[in-house]
C-alpha atoms as a PDB file:
ATOM      1  CA  MET A   1       5.358  -8.908  -1.527  1.00  0.00           C
ATOM      2  CA  THR A   2       4.283  -7.119   1.634  1.00  0.00           C
ATOM      3  CA  ALA A   3       2.689  -3.681   1.784  1.00  0.00           C
ATOM      4  CA  PRO A   4       5.852  -2.016   3.207  1.00  0.00           C
ATOM      5  CA  GLU A   5       7.951  -3.626   0.455  1.00  0.00           C
ATOM      6  CA  PHE A   6       5.538  -2.396  -2.203  1.00  0.00           C
ATOM      7  CA  LEU A   7       5.492   1.121  -0.781  1.00  0.00           C
ATOM      8  CA  GLU A   8       9.292   1.241  -0.592  1.00  0.00           C
ATOM      9  CA  GLY A   9       9.403   0.535  -4.319  1.00  0.00           C
ATOM     10  CA  PHE A  10       6.492   2.767  -5.294  1.00  0.00           C
ATOM     11  CA  LEU A  11       6.942   5.872  -3.161  1.00  0.00           C
ATOM     12  CA  PRO A  12      10.328   6.983  -4.554  1.00  0.00           C
ATOM     13  CA  ARG A  13       8.868   6.963  -8.074  1.00  0.00           C
ATOM     14  CA  TRP A  14       5.776   8.805  -6.849  1.00  0.00           C
ATOM     15  CA  ARG A  15       7.884  11.426  -5.059  1.00  0.00           C
ATOM     16  CA  ALA A  16       9.990  11.950  -8.189  1.00  0.00           C
ATOM     17  CA  SER A  17       6.857  12.646 -10.229  1.00  0.00           C
ATOM     18  CA  LEU A  18       5.615  15.394  -7.900  1.00  0.00           C
ATOM     19  CA  PRO A  19       6.172  19.071  -8.588  1.00  0.00           C
ATOM     20  CA  THR A  20       8.876  20.504  -6.309  1.00  0.00           C
ATOM     21  CA  ARG A  21       6.418  22.807  -4.548  1.00  0.00           C
ATOM     22  CA  LEU A  22       4.385  19.791  -3.331  1.00  0.00           C
ATOM     23  CA  ALA A  23       7.293  17.728  -1.976  1.00  0.00           C
ATOM     24  CA  PRO A  24       7.139  19.084   1.623  1.00  0.00           C
ATOM     25  CA  PHE A  25       3.397  18.448   1.799  1.00  0.00           C
ATOM     26  CA  ALA A  26       3.808  14.941   0.414  1.00  0.00           C
ATOM     27  CA  GLU A  27       6.473  14.078   2.983  1.00  0.00           C
ATOM     28  CA  ARG A  28       4.251  15.280   5.826  1.00  0.00           C
ATOM     29  CA  PHE A  29       1.286  13.361   4.411  1.00  0.00           C
ATOM     30  CA  LEU A  30       3.353  10.178   4.205  1.00  0.00           C
ATOM     31  CA  ARG A  31       4.720  10.619   7.714  1.00  0.00           C
ATOM     32  CA  LEU A  32       1.242  11.129   9.180  1.00  0.00           C
ATOM     33  CA  ASN A  33      -0.531   8.456   7.147  1.00  0.00           C
ATOM     34  CA  ARG A  34       2.051   5.709   6.649  1.00  0.00           C
ATOM     35  CA  GLY A  35       0.112   3.178   8.721  1.00  0.00           C
ATOM     36  CA  VAL A  36      -3.127   3.809   6.849  1.00  0.00           C
ATOM     37  CA  LEU A  37      -1.319   3.570   3.506  1.00  0.00           C
ATOM     38  CA  GLU A  38       0.169   0.223   4.528  1.00  0.00           C
ATOM     39  CA  VAL A  39      -3.240  -1.168   5.559  1.00  0.00           C
ATOM     40  CA  LEU A  40      -4.901  -0.004   2.335  1.00  0.00           C
ATOM     41  CA  THR A  41      -2.013  -1.349   0.258  1.00  0.00           C
ATOM     42  CA  GLN A  42      -2.165  -4.693   2.070  1.00  0.00           C
ATOM     43  CA  ARG A  43      -5.898  -4.928   1.329  1.00  0.00           C
ATOM     44  CA  ALA A  44      -5.322  -4.112  -2.331  1.00  0.00           C
ATOM     45  CA  LEU A  45      -2.523  -6.675  -2.623  1.00  0.00           C
ATOM     46  CA  ALA A  46      -4.700  -9.329  -0.914  1.00  0.00           C
ATOM     47  CA  ALA A  47      -7.582  -8.589  -3.291  1.00  0.00           C
ATOM     48  CA  LEU A  48      -5.211  -8.884  -6.244  1.00  0.00           C
ATOM     49  CA  ARG A  49      -3.932 -12.231  -4.963  1.00  0.00           C
ATOM     50  CA  ALA A  50      -7.510 -13.451  -4.457  1.00  0.00           C
ATOM     51  CA  ARG A  51      -8.443 -12.504  -8.041  1.00  0.00           C
ATOM     52  CA  ARG A  52      -5.421 -14.470  -9.226  1.00  0.00           C
ATOM     53  CA  GLY A  53      -6.648 -17.475  -7.249  1.00  0.00           C
ATOM     54  CA  GLU A  54      -3.839 -17.466  -4.694  1.00  0.00           C
ATOM     55  CA  VAL A  55      -4.643 -18.836  -1.246  1.00  0.00           C
ATOM     56  CA  PRO A  56      -4.365 -16.340   1.650  1.00  0.00           C
ATOM     57  CA  HIS A  57      -1.479 -17.108   4.023  1.00  0.00           C
ATOM     58  CA  THR A  58      -2.615 -15.090   7.041  1.00  0.00           C
ATOM     59  CA  ALA A  59      -5.870 -14.143   8.731  1.00  0.00           C
ATOM     60  CA  GLY A  60      -5.260 -10.553   7.655  1.00  0.00           C
ATOM     61  CA  GLU A  61      -4.968 -11.561   4.016  1.00  0.00           C
ATOM     62  CA  LEU A  62      -8.134 -13.624   4.318  1.00  0.00           C
ATOM     63  CA  ALA A  63     -10.042 -10.712   5.799  1.00  0.00           C
ATOM     64  CA  ALA A  64      -8.685  -8.315   3.186  1.00  0.00           C
ATOM     65  CA  SER A  65      -9.629 -10.596   0.326  1.00  0.00           C
ATOM     66  CA  HIS A  66     -13.260 -10.872   1.495  1.00  0.00           C
ATOM     67  CA  PRO A  67     -14.796  -7.424   1.960  1.00  0.00           C
ATOM     68  CA  PHE A  68     -17.686  -7.417   4.383  1.00  0.00           C
END
């Protein structure tokens, strides 16, 4: 699963859990920070795969699974 795929599944549930008054702020936050959220999610997914013993498939996954 890629970071964008994960976020597409997670964000609708997250949005639904927010109070109505926060929805406009959340949408703006997501619009402004989507790239950062994808990078952080990719790092978290790579770390999870590494803990499970899965081999990284890309250089990005390798870098994400080994914090410097």
